[in-house]
C-alpha atoms as a PDB file:
ATOM      1  CA  MET A   1     115.598  86.125 193.254  1.00  0.00           C
ATOM      2  CA  ALA A   2     112.755  85.683 190.756  1.00  0.00           C
ATOM      3  CA  HIS A   3     109.282  86.989 191.672  1.00  0.00           C
ATOM      4  CA  ARG A   4     106.061  85.237 190.883  1.00  0.00           C
ATOM      5  CA  VAL A   5     103.933  86.712 188.192  1.00  0.00           C
ATOM      6  CA  GLU A   6     100.274  86.489 189.147  1.00  0.00           C
ATOM      7  CA  THR A   7      97.492  86.742 186.526  1.00  0.00           C
ATOM      8  CA  GLN A   8      94.499  88.662 187.840  1.00  0.00           C
ATOM      9  CA  ARG A   9      91.100  88.568 186.078  1.00  0.00           C
ATOM     10  CA  ILE A  10      88.824  91.560 186.444  1.00  0.00           C
ATOM     11  CA  ARG A  11      85.178  90.686 185.815  1.00  0.00           C
ATOM     12  CA  VAL A  12      82.965  93.472 184.521  1.00  0.00           C
ATOM     13  CA  ASN A  13      79.132  93.260 184.263  1.00  0.00           C
ATOM     14  CA  LEU A  14      77.970  95.030 181.236  1.00  0.00           C
ATOM     15  CA  ARG A  15      74.538  96.722 180.737  1.00  0.00           C
ATOM     16  CA  SER A  16      73.488  93.903 178.455  1.00  0.00           C
ATOM     17  CA  GLY A  17      73.919  91.464 181.367  1.00  0.00           C
ATOM     18  CA  GLN A  18      76.990  89.938 179.783  1.00  0.00           C
ATOM     19  CA  THR A  19      80.262  89.668 181.688  1.00  0.00           C
ATOM     20  CA  VAL A  20      83.664  90.482 180.207  1.00  0.00           C
ATOM     21  CA  THR A  21      86.934  89.424 181.920  1.00  0.00           C
ATOM     22  CA  ILE A  22      90.004  91.622 181.582  1.00  0.00           C
ATOM     23  CA  PRO A  23      93.290  89.815 182.420  1.00  0.00           C
ATOM     24  CA  GLY A  24      96.269  91.612 184.043  1.00  0.00           C
ATOM     25  CA  TRP A  25      99.580  90.768 185.677  1.00  0.00           C
ATOM     26  CA  ARG A  26     100.856  91.591 189.165  1.00  0.00           C
ATOM     27  CA  VAL A  27     104.474  91.422 190.311  1.00  0.00           C
ATOM     28  CA  ASP A  28     105.262  91.992 193.881  1.00  0.00           C
ATOM     29  CA  SER A  29     108.855  92.402 195.063  1.00  0.00           C
ATOM     30  CA  GLY A  30     107.897  91.757 198.683  1.00  0.00           C
ATOM     31  CA  THR A  31     109.521  94.971 199.720  1.00  0.00           C
ATOM     32  CA  ALA A  32     107.714  98.254 200.167  1.00  0.00           C
ATOM     33  CA  GLY A  33     108.049 100.930 197.417  1.00  0.00           C
ATOM     34  CA  PRO A  34     106.025 102.452 194.599  1.00  0.00           C
ATOM     35  CA  CYS A  35     103.065 100.788 192.950  1.00  0.00           C
ATOM     36  CA  LEU A  36     103.362 101.195 189.193  1.00  0.00           C
ATOM     37  CA  LEU A  37     100.231 100.741 187.041  1.00  0.00           C
ATOM     38  CA  LEU A  38     100.798  99.920 183.353  1.00  0.00           C
ATOM     39  CA  THR A  39      97.979 100.148 180.894  1.00  0.00           C
ATOM     40  CA  ALA A  40      97.772  99.898 177.104  1.00  0.00           C
ATOM     41  CA  ALA A  41      94.965  99.599 174.508  1.00  0.00           C
ATOM     42  CA  GLN A  42      92.393 101.917 175.897  1.00  0.00           C
ATOM     43  CA  HIS A  43      91.663 102.329 172.243  1.00  0.00           C
ATOM     44  CA  GLY A  44      91.387  98.971 170.600  1.00  0.00           C
ATOM     45  CA  ASN A  45      93.564  99.863 167.651  1.00  0.00           C
ATOM     46  CA  GLU A  46      96.387 101.116 169.730  1.00  0.00           C
ATOM     47  CA  VAL A  47      98.162  97.956 170.642  1.00  0.00           C
ATOM     48  CA  GLN A  48     101.958  98.351 170.567  1.00  0.00           C
ATOM     49  CA  GLY A  49     102.038  99.089 174.313  1.00  0.00           C
ATOM     50  CA  ALA A  50     100.683  95.655 175.090  1.00  0.00           C
ATOM     51  CA  GLU A  51     103.802  93.967 173.744  1.00  0.00           C
ATOM     52  CA  ALA A  52     106.083  96.464 175.628  1.00  0.00           C
ATOM     53  CA  ILE A  53     104.256  95.746 178.819  1.00  0.00           C
ATOM     54  CA  ARG A  54     104.608  91.989 178.275  1.00  0.00           C
ATOM     55  CA  ARG A  55     108.353  92.278 177.910  1.00  0.00           C
ATOM     56  CA  PHE A  56     108.579  94.566 180.965  1.00  0.00           C
ATOM     57  CA  VAL A  57     106.714  92.172 183.178  1.00  0.00           C
ATOM     58  CA  GLU A  58     109.157  89.425 182.292  1.00  0.00           C
ATOM     59  CA  ASP A  59     111.912  91.872 183.244  1.00  0.00           C
ATOM     60  CA  ALA A  60     110.258  92.863 186.491  1.00  0.00           C
ATOM     61  CA  ALA A  61     109.827  89.291 187.510  1.00  0.00           C
ATOM     62  CA  GLU A  62     113.565  88.869 187.484  1.00  0.00           C
ATOM     63  CA  ARG A  63     114.796  92.199 188.636  1.00  0.00           C
ATOM     64  CA  LEU A  64     112.170  94.155 190.593  1.00  0.00           C
ATOM     65  CA  THR A  65     113.945  95.345 193.830  1.00  0.00           C
ATOM     66  CA  ASN A  66     111.027  96.963 195.593  1.00  0.00           C
ATOM     67  CA  GLY A  67     107.394  97.945 195.071  1.00  0.00           C
ATOM     68  CA  ARG A  68     104.771  96.374 192.964  1.00  0.00           C
ATOM     69  CA  VAL A  69     103.821  96.386 189.254  1.00  0.00           C
ATOM     70  CA  PHE A  70     100.179  96.147 188.040  1.00  0.00           C
ATOM     71  CA  ALA A  71      99.939  95.635 184.301  1.00  0.00           C
ATOM     72  CA  VAL A  72      96.869  95.450 182.065  1.00  0.00           C
ATOM     73  CA  PRO A  73      98.111  95.127 178.372  1.00  0.00           C
ATOM     74  CA  MET A  74      94.551  95.241 176.860  1.00  0.00           C
ATOM     75  CA  VAL A  75      92.612  97.382 179.147  1.00  0.00           C
ATOM     76  CA  ASN A  76      89.702  97.917 176.672  1.00  0.00           C
ATOM     77  CA  LEU A  77      89.555  94.285 175.636  1.00  0.00           C
ATOM     78  CA  PRO A  78      86.093  94.571 173.988  1.00  0.00           C
ATOM     79  CA  ALA A  79      87.428  97.288 171.632  1.00  0.00           C
ATOM     80  CA  VAL A  80      90.578  95.078 170.858  1.00  0.00           C
ATOM     81  CA  ARG A  81      88.304  92.291 169.942  1.00  0.00           C
ATOM     82  CA  GLU A  82      86.260  94.586 167.732  1.00  0.00           C
ATOM     83  CA  ARG A  83      89.530  95.937 166.166  1.00  0.00           C
ATOM     84  CA  ARG A  84      88.218  99.548 166.553  1.00  0.00           C
ATOM     85  CA  PRO A  85      89.229 102.467 168.645  1.00  0.00           C
ATOM     86  CA  HIS A  86      86.025 102.331 170.725  1.00  0.00           C
ATOM     87  CA  ILE A  87      83.473  99.581 171.085  1.00  0.00           C
ATOM     88  CA  ARG A  88      80.508  99.539 168.603  1.00  0.00           C
ATOM     89  CA  MET A  89      82.173 101.657 166.010  1.00  0.00           C
ATOM     90  CA  ARG A  90      81.481 101.381 162.199  1.00  0.00           C
ATOM     91  CA  PRO A  91      84.318 100.957 159.674  1.00  0.00           C
ATOM     92  CA  GLU A  92      86.270 104.136 159.095  1.00  0.00           C
ATOM     93  CA  GLN A  93      84.237 105.973 161.756  1.00  0.00           C
ATOM     94  CA  PRO A  94      86.550 108.786 163.109  1.00  0.00           C
ATOM     95  CA  TYR A  95      87.942 108.885 166.553  1.00  0.00           C
ATOM     96  CA  GLY A  96      85.880 111.920 167.594  1.00  0.00           C
ATOM     97  CA  ASP A  97      82.616 110.192 166.725  1.00  0.00           C
ATOM     98  CA  ALA A  98      82.997 107.993 169.964  1.00  0.00           C
ATOM     99  CA  ARG A  99      79.362 108.305 171.061  1.00  0.00           C
ATOM    100  CA  GLY A 100      80.403 108.270 174.671  1.00  0.00           C
ATOM    101  CA  HIS A 101      82.682 105.313 174.364  1.00  0.00           C
ATOM    102  CA  ASN A 102      86.174 106.969 174.419  1.00  0.00           C
ATOM    103  CA  MET A 103      87.644 105.085 177.406  1.00  0.00           C
ATOM    104  CA  ASN A 104      90.182 107.796 178.022  1.00  0.00           C
ATOM    105  CA  HIS A 105      87.359 110.283 178.809  1.00  0.00           C
ATOM    106  CA  TRP A 106      85.919 108.126 181.532  1.00  0.00           C
ATOM    107  CA  TRP A 107      88.300 107.859 184.495  1.00  0.00           C
ATOM    108  CA  SER A 108      87.825 106.702 187.141  1.00  0.00           C
ATOM    109  CA  GLY A 109      84.724 105.252 185.577  1.00  0.00           C
ATOM    110  CA  GLU A 110      81.108 104.837 186.611  1.00  0.00           C
ATOM    111  CA  LYS A 111      79.549 101.657 187.962  1.00  0.00           C
ATOM    112  CA  SER A 112      76.193 102.406 186.475  1.00  0.00           C
ATOM    113  CA  GLY A 113      77.498 104.111 183.342  1.00  0.00           C
ATOM    114  CA  ASN A 114      77.707 102.768 179.744  1.00  0.00           C
ATOM    115  CA  ASP A 115      79.809  99.754 179.088  1.00  0.00           C
ATOM    116  CA  THR A 116      83.026 101.733 178.549  1.00  0.00           C
ATOM    117  CA  ALA A 117      82.513 103.497 181.896  1.00  0.00           C
ATOM    118  CA  ARG A 118      81.893 100.359 183.641  1.00  0.00           C
ATOM    119  CA  LEU A 119      85.178  98.788 182.358  1.00  0.00           C
ATOM    120  CA  ALA A 120      87.111 101.818 183.534  1.00  0.00           C
ATOM    121  CA  ARG A 121      85.527 101.606 186.949  1.00  0.00           C
ATOM    122  CA  ALA A 122      85.924  97.977 187.508  1.00  0.00           C
ATOM    123  CA  ILE A 123      89.705  98.192 186.522  1.00  0.00           C
ATOM    124  CA  TYR A 124      90.317 101.107 188.611  1.00  0.00           C
ATOM    125  CA  GLU A 125      88.782  99.541 191.725  1.00  0.00           C
ATOM    126  CA  ALA A 126      90.609  96.354 191.067  1.00  0.00           C
ATOM    127  CA  ILE A 127      94.135  97.784 190.582  1.00  0.00           C
ATOM    128  CA  GLY A 128      94.135 101.502 189.938  1.00  0.00           C
ATOM    129  CA  ALA A 129      93.240 102.715 193.397  1.00  0.00           C
ATOM    130  CA  GLU A 130      96.286 101.144 194.948  1.00  0.00           C
ATOM    131  CA  ALA A 131      98.748 102.613 192.445  1.00  0.00           C
ATOM    132  CA  THR A 132     101.030 105.549 193.153  1.00  0.00           C
ATOM    133  CA  HIS A 133     102.224 105.971 189.579  1.00  0.00           C
ATOM    134  CA  ALA A 134     100.464 105.300 186.317  1.00  0.00           C
ATOM    135  CA  LEU A 135     102.000 104.925 182.720  1.00  0.00           C
ATOM    136  CA  ASP A 136      99.240 104.808 180.195  1.00  0.00           C
ATOM    137  CA  LEU A 137     100.347 103.751 176.684  1.00  0.00           C
ATOM    138  CA  HIS A 138      98.536 104.885 173.538  1.00  0.00           C
ATOM    139  CA  CYS A 139      99.471 105.131 169.776  1.00  0.00           C
ATOM    140  CA  TRP A 140      99.386 108.127 167.362  1.00  0.00           C
ATOM    141  CA  GLU A 141      99.046 107.994 163.638  1.00  0.00           C
ATOM    142  CA  LYS A 142     102.002 106.403 161.762  1.00  0.00           C
ATOM    143  CA  HIS A 143     103.241 109.726 160.381  1.00  0.00           C
ATOM    144  CA  LYS A 144     103.650 111.210 163.825  1.00  0.00           C
ATOM    145  CA  ALA A 145     106.605 110.632 166.148  1.00  0.00           C
ATOM    146  CA  GLY A 146     105.793 109.068 169.490  1.00  0.00           C
ATOM    147  CA  ALA A 147     105.858 111.326 172.508  1.00  0.00           C
ATOM    148  CA  VAL A 148     105.657 111.454 176.335  1.00  0.00           C
ATOM    149  CA  LEU A 149     102.665 113.556 177.488  1.00  0.00           C
ATOM    150  CA  VAL A 150     102.758 115.142 180.998  1.00  0.00           C
ATOM    151  CA  ARG A 151     101.441 117.985 182.970  1.00  0.00           C
ATOM    152  CA  ASP A 152     103.781 120.749 184.035  1.00  0.00           C
ATOM    153  CA  VAL A 153     103.708 119.597 187.597  1.00  0.00           C
ATOM    154  CA  PRO A 154     106.792 119.709 189.906  1.00  0.00           C
ATOM    155  CA  GLY A 155     108.538 116.472 189.822  1.00  0.00           C
ATOM    156  CA  ILE A 156     106.645 115.027 186.834  1.00  0.00           C
ATOM    157  CA  ARG A 157     108.417 117.160 184.259  1.00  0.00           C
ATOM    158  CA  GLU A 158     111.793 116.194 185.714  1.00  0.00           C
ATOM    159  CA  LEU A 159     110.758 112.509 185.637  1.00  0.00           C
ATOM    160  CA  ALA A 160     109.747 112.744 182.049  1.00  0.00           C
ATOM    161  CA  GLY A 161     113.155 114.118 181.102  1.00  0.00           C
ATOM    162  CA  LYS A 162     114.636 111.037 182.534  1.00  0.00           C
ATOM    163  CA  LEU A 163     112.851 108.611 180.208  1.00  0.00           C
ATOM    164  CA  GLY A 164     115.142 108.984 177.246  1.00  0.00           C
ATOM    165  CA  HIS A 165     112.538 109.759 174.703  1.00  0.00           C
ATOM    166  CA  ARG A 166     113.046 112.469 172.031  1.00  0.00           C
ATOM    167  CA  PHE A 167     109.768 114.424 172.533  1.00  0.00           C
ATOM    168  CA  VAL A 168     108.029 115.476 175.757  1.00  0.00           C
ATOM    169  CA  ASP A 169     104.767 117.339 175.310  1.00  0.00           C
ATOM    170  CA  ILE A 170     103.491 119.550 178.164  1.00  0.00           C
ATOM    171  CA  ARG A 171      99.720 119.213 178.162  1.00  0.00           C
ATOM    172  CA  PRO A 172      96.954 121.246 179.945  1.00  0.00           C
ATOM    173  CA  PRO A 173      95.095 119.512 182.654  1.00  0.00           C
ATOM    174  CA  ASN A 174      92.442 116.942 181.681  1.00  0.00           C
ATOM    175  CA  ASP A 175      91.248 115.145 184.773  1.00  0.00           C
ATOM    176  CA  ARG A 176      89.143 112.619 182.804  1.00  0.00           C
ATOM    177  CA  THR A 177      92.117 110.938 181.134  1.00  0.00           C
ATOM    178  CA  LEU A 178      93.786 108.121 183.188  1.00  0.00           C
ATOM    179  CA  GLY A 179      97.113 110.094 183.551  1.00  0.00           C
ATOM    180  CA  GLY A 180      95.195 113.287 184.319  1.00  0.00           C
ATOM    181  CA  TYR A 181      93.051 111.526 186.971  1.00  0.00           C
ATOM    182  CA  PHE A 182      96.182 110.324 188.746  1.00  0.00           C
ATOM    183  CA  CYS A 183      97.600 113.793 188.721  1.00  0.00           C
ATOM    184  CA  ALA A 184      94.370 115.247 189.912  1.00  0.00           C
ATOM    185  CA  THR A 185      94.402 112.830 192.866  1.00  0.00           C
ATOM    186  CA  GLY A 186      97.958 113.841 193.946  1.00  0.00           C
ATOM    187  CA  ARG A 187      99.696 110.995 192.216  1.00  0.00           C
ATOM    188  CA  VAL A 188     101.988 110.713 189.108  1.00  0.00           C
ATOM    189  CA  GLY A 189     100.265 110.103 185.760  1.00  0.00           C
ATOM    190  CA  ILE A 190     102.167 109.934 182.476  1.00  0.00           C
ATOM    191  CA  THR A 191     100.968 109.137 179.003  1.00  0.00           C
ATOM    192  CA  TYR A 192     103.036 107.793 176.191  1.00  0.00           C
ATOM    193  CA  GLU A 193     102.119 107.703 172.451  1.00  0.00           C
ATOM    194  CA  PHE A 194     103.788 105.195 170.178  1.00  0.00           C
ATOM    195  CA  SER A 195     103.918 105.912 166.474  1.00  0.00           C
ATOM    196  CA  GLY A 196     101.453 103.728 164.395  1.00  0.00           C
ATOM    197  CA  GLN A 197      98.127 102.171 164.992  1.00  0.00           C
ATOM    198  CA  TYR A 198      96.800  98.730 164.056  1.00  0.00           C
ATOM    199  CA  VAL A 199     100.385  97.514 164.109  1.00  0.00           C
ATOM    200  CA  VAL A 200     103.048  96.149 166.487  1.00  0.00           C
ATOM    201  CA  LEU A 201     106.576  97.369 165.168  1.00  0.00           C
ATOM    202  CA  GLU A 202     109.728  96.046 166.763  1.00  0.00           C
ATOM    203  CA  HIS A 203     111.524  99.440 166.796  1.00  0.00           C
ATOM    204  CA  GLU A 204     108.486 101.021 168.519  1.00  0.00           C
ATOM    205  CA  VAL A 205     108.186  98.341 171.028  1.00  0.00           C
ATOM    206  CA  ARG A 206     111.824  98.781 171.881  1.00  0.00           C
ATOM    207  CA  HIS A 207     111.275 102.529 172.439  1.00  0.00           C
ATOM    208  CA  GLY A 208     108.386 101.765 174.814  1.00  0.00           C
ATOM    209  CA  LEU A 209     110.250  99.073 176.776  1.00  0.00           C
ATOM    210  CA  MET A 210     113.188 101.532 177.263  1.00  0.00           C
ATOM    211  CA  LEU A 211     110.808 104.018 178.518  1.00  0.00           C
ATOM    212  CA  ILE A 212     109.056 101.741 181.028  1.00  0.00           C
ATOM    213  CA  ARG A 213     112.352 100.457 182.312  1.00  0.00           C
ATOM    214  CA  ASN A 214     113.726 103.964 182.706  1.00  0.00           C
ATOM    215  CA  LEU A 215     110.596 105.004 184.634  1.00  0.00           C
ATOM    216  CA  ALA A 216     111.027 101.977 187.003  1.00  0.00           C
ATOM    217  CA  LYS A 217     114.731 102.801 187.403  1.00  0.00           C
ATOM    218  CA  ALA A 218     113.970 106.466 188.177  1.00  0.00           C
ATOM    219  CA  LEU A 219     111.462 105.297 190.868  1.00  0.00           C
ATOM    220  CA  GLY A 220     114.123 103.011 192.329  1.00  0.00           C
ATOM    221  CA  MET A 221     112.224  99.890 191.318  1.00  0.00           C
ATOM    222  CA  LEU A 222     114.825  98.349 189.051  1.00  0.00           C
ATOM    223  CA  PRO A 223     118.582  98.413 189.481  1.00  0.00           C
ATOM    224  CA  GLY A 224     120.944  99.890 186.888  1.00  0.00           C
ATOM    225  CA  ARG A 225     121.629 103.263 185.103  1.00  0.00           C
ATOM    226  CA  LEU A 226     119.025 104.968 182.959  1.00  0.00           C
ATOM    227  CA  SER A 227     119.354 104.080 179.297  1.00  0.00           C
ATOM    228  CA  ALA A 228     120.408 107.184 177.210  1.00  0.00           C
ATOM    229  CA  GLY A 229     117.862 106.603 174.453  1.00  0.00           C
ATOM    230  CA  HIS A 230     117.469 109.794 172.531  1.00  0.00           C
ATOM    231  CA  ARG A 231     120.105 112.027 174.036  1.00  0.00           C
ATOM    232  CA  SER A 232     118.488 115.269 172.938  1.00  0.00           C
ATOM    233  CA  VAL A 233     115.106 115.483 174.746  1.00  0.00           C
ATOM    234  CA  LEU A 234     112.858 118.253 173.389  1.00  0.00           C
ATOM    235  CA  PHE A 235     110.182 119.670 175.686  1.00  0.00           C
ATOM    236  CA  SER A 236     107.302 121.225 173.670  1.00  0.00           C
ATOM    237  CA  ASP A 237     107.385 124.464 175.661  1.00  0.00           C
ATOM    238  CA  GLU A 238     111.093 124.850 174.927  1.00  0.00           C
ATOM    239  CA  CYS A 239     110.868 124.161 171.216  1.00  0.00           C
ATOM    240  CA  GLU A 240     109.628 125.683 168.040  1.00  0.00           C
ATOM    241  CA  SER A 241     108.508 123.825 164.904  1.00  0.00           C
ATOM    242  CA  VAL A 242     108.157 124.527 161.191  1.00  0.00           C
ATOM    243  CA  ASP A 243     105.675 122.844 158.948  1.00  0.00           C
ATOM    244  CA  VAL A 244     106.714 121.841 155.421  1.00  0.00           C
ATOM    245  CA  THR A 245     103.740 122.153 153.058  1.00  0.00           C
ATOM    246  CA  ALA A 246     102.982 120.917 149.518  1.00  0.00           C
ATOM    247  CA  PRO A 247     103.806 123.548 146.841  1.00  0.00           C
ATOM    248  CA  CYS A 248     101.083 122.024 144.625  1.00  0.00           C
ATOM    249  CA  SER A 249      98.769 119.015 144.485  1.00  0.00           C
ATOM    250  CA  GLY A 250     100.005 115.644 143.448  1.00  0.00           C
ATOM    251  CA  LEU A 251     101.778 112.546 144.948  1.00  0.00           C
ATOM    252  CA  PHE A 252     104.143 113.100 147.798  1.00  0.00           C
ATOM    253  CA  VAL A 253     106.996 110.514 147.482  1.00  0.00           C
ATOM    254  CA  THR A 254     109.181 110.539 150.644  1.00  0.00           C
ATOM    255  CA  ALA A 255     112.906 110.164 150.772  1.00  0.00           C
ATOM    256  CA  PRO A 256     114.419 107.592 152.906  1.00  0.00           C
ATOM    257  CA  GLY A 257     114.189 108.295 156.751  1.00  0.00           C
ATOM    258  CA  GLY A 258     111.450 108.699 159.235  1.00  0.00           C
ATOM    259  CA  VAL A 259     110.191 110.362 162.322  1.00  0.00           C
ATOM    260  CA  TYR A 260     112.479 111.091 165.312  1.00  0.00           C
ATOM    261  CA  GLU A 261     115.449 111.527 162.913  1.00  0.00           C
ATOM    262  CA  SER A 262     117.706 114.592 162.958  1.00  0.00           C
ATOM    263  CA  VAL A 263     117.791 116.627 159.796  1.00  0.00           C
ATOM    264  CA  VAL A 264     119.897 119.541 158.523  1.00  0.00           C
ATOM    265  CA  GLU A 265     118.666 122.502 156.670  1.00  0.00           C
ATOM    266  CA  GLY A 266     118.382 121.581 153.020  1.00  0.00           C
ATOM    267  CA  ARG A 267     118.155 117.893 153.420  1.00  0.00           C
ATOM    268  CA  LEU A 268     116.011 116.258 150.705  1.00  0.00           C
ATOM    269  CA  LEU A 269     112.694 115.044 152.341  1.00  0.00           C
ATOM    270  CA  GLY A 270     111.101 113.886 149.061  1.00  0.00           C
ATOM    271  CA  HIS A 271     109.189 115.277 146.191  1.00  0.00           C
ATOM    272  CA  VAL A 272     105.850 116.040 144.895  1.00  0.00           C
ATOM    273  CA  LEU A 273     104.759 114.800 141.462  1.00  0.00           C
ATOM    274  CA  SER A 274     102.231 117.357 140.231  1.00  0.00           C
ATOM    275  CA  ASP A 275      98.829 116.023 138.943  1.00  0.00           C
ATOM    276  CA  ILE A 276      98.411 119.218 136.757  1.00  0.00           C
ATOM    277  CA  ASP A 277     101.586 119.124 134.639  1.00  0.00           C
ATOM    278  CA  LEU A 278     103.659 116.201 135.918  1.00  0.00           C
ATOM    279  CA  SER A 279     106.378 118.467 137.043  1.00  0.00           C
ATOM    280  CA  VAL A 280     108.618 117.368 140.018  1.00  0.00           C
ATOM    281  CA  HIS A 281     108.872 119.662 143.110  1.00  0.00           C
ATOM    282  CA  GLN A 282     111.670 118.655 145.479  1.00  0.00           C
ATOM    283  CA  ILE A 283     110.904 119.050 149.215  1.00  0.00           C
ATOM    284  CA  HIS A 284     113.691 120.077 151.543  1.00  0.00           C
ATOM    285  CA  ALA A 285     114.163 120.564 155.370  1.00  0.00           C
ATOM    286  CA  PRO A 286     113.692 124.288 156.099  1.00  0.00           C
ATOM    287  CA  THR A 287     115.974 124.214 159.188  1.00  0.00           C
ATOM    288  CA  ASP A 288     118.069 121.916 161.372  1.00  0.00           C
ATOM    289  CA  GLY A 289     116.065 119.935 163.863  1.00  0.00           C
ATOM    290  CA  TYR A 290     114.208 116.621 164.250  1.00  0.00           C
ATOM    291  CA  LEU A 291     111.337 115.200 162.303  1.00  0.00           C
ATOM    292  CA  ARG A 292     108.200 115.316 164.403  1.00  0.00           C
ATOM    293  CA  VAL A 293     105.893 114.528 161.455  1.00  0.00           C
ATOM    294  CA  PHE A 294     106.783 113.015 158.222  1.00  0.00           C
ATOM    295  CA  GLY A 295     104.472 111.987 155.332  1.00  0.00           C
ATOM    296  CA  ALA A 296     101.097 112.906 154.055  1.00  0.00           C
ATOM    297  CA  SER A 297      99.773 112.997 157.565  1.00  0.00           C
ATOM    298  CA  ARG A 298      96.101 113.355 158.421  1.00  0.00           C
ATOM    299  CA  ALA A 299      93.938 112.855 161.468  1.00  0.00           C
ATOM    300  CA  ASN A 300      92.449 109.363 161.597  1.00  0.00           C
ATOM    301  CA  CYS A 301      94.864 108.347 158.844  1.00  0.00           C
ATOM    302  CA  ASP A 302      95.291 104.840 160.502  1.00  0.00           C
ATOM    303  CA  VAL A 303      91.547 104.498 160.901  1.00  0.00           C
ATOM    304  CA  ALA A 304      90.345 105.291 157.385  1.00  0.00           C
ATOM    305  CA  MET A 305      92.093 104.014 154.368  1.00  0.00           C
ATOM    306  CA  PRO A 306      91.980 107.289 152.383  1.00  0.00           C
ATOM    307  CA  GLY A 307      94.217 108.823 155.054  1.00  0.00           C
ATOM    308  CA  HIS A 308      97.057 106.531 154.018  1.00  0.00           C
ATOM    309  CA  HIS A 309      96.966 107.908 150.417  1.00  0.00           C
ATOM    310  CA  PRO A 310     100.096 109.948 149.362  1.00  0.00           C
ATOM    311  CA  TYR A 311      97.914 112.295 147.300  1.00  0.00           C
ATOM    312  CA  VAL A 312      98.288 115.877 148.736  1.00  0.00           C
ATOM    313  CA  THR A 313      96.627 119.115 148.017  1.00  0.00           C
ATOM    314  CA  LYS A 314      98.399 122.508 147.774  1.00  0.00           C
ATOM    315  CA  GLY A 315      99.344 123.728 151.255  1.00  0.00           C
ATOM    316  CA  GLU A 316      98.851 120.288 152.932  1.00  0.00           C
ATOM    317  CA  ARG A 317     101.392 119.494 155.591  1.00  0.00           C
ATOM    318  CA  LEU A 318     104.165 117.007 154.466  1.00  0.00           C
ATOM    319  CA  ALA A 319     106.517 117.269 157.519  1.00  0.00           C
ATOM    320  CA  THR A 320     107.180 119.123 160.716  1.00  0.00           C
ATOM    321  CA  VAL A 321     110.662 119.814 161.974  1.00  0.00           C
ATOM    322  CA  ALA A 322     110.995 120.642 165.621  1.00  0.00           C
ATOM    323  CA  PHE A 323     114.077 122.444 167.142  1.00  0.00           C
ATOM    324  CA  LYS A 324     115.000 123.670 170.556  1.00  0.00           C
ATOM    325  CA  VAL A 325     115.009 127.395 171.028  1.00  0.00           C
ATOM    326  CA  ASN A 326     118.313 128.666 172.285  1.00  0.00           C
END
């Protein structure tokens, strides 16, 4: 039997006296069970999770067997509208220069804080306080493979291993993030990072949708078997990785392929065209494993246009290959 999808509008009074309304969805099975909070776009340029959430809500409306789903696909709507990571940012301003407006440093918010803290508080009071589990969706730079981020907490680690994603990072406690705040208050908080900012990519959305469905199945909220996804799940504390660096300065031209893929030792990853003597230097995988990073990757590369440029300097990272330690 289909369940009704209710649209909830969360009103937030800003310091300026203006009011912003954040829309979200509720799906209630009518049967007792977990309460799953789904959020995306805490940073306004990290939007892939919004589409994954939309598709999951449609699924939950048809198949939710117990519990409730609260979903906010654009939790930091002012930043989304400004097309910036945080509100009131200048073009190409780096993430770290948030000036107090990094929403994922503000949970569970402050009623009398700045506008970002007020957004977090209003959303938490409206739906977060009721939730037993939270999955917070973010996006890393395009050259970096997506990953599940969790604390090494009993039960959460095992749950992360069921989600079918290639990479699971064990992270130290940070109670100010949304996922960290849930863990600090005795609940389950998980973060997921898609690959790529400022874009919505079909293959990434499918990754995210599989992950949300698997989480709901693992919690007993959806019927069916877990999707296999990436059959080899690599936990960061059970893996090692090797960086591949540029042997000289020049243009890094990648070979076909991308992050998540398996590679064997010696596989051609691309070449660097030297800007000194125009010599060509082939780049090969140093070991068997999986591509965790691939391309001329730099912090904030999706925020500032120079970060996209394939020009590399000697010693700059071109790829990272991760592999499980036997």
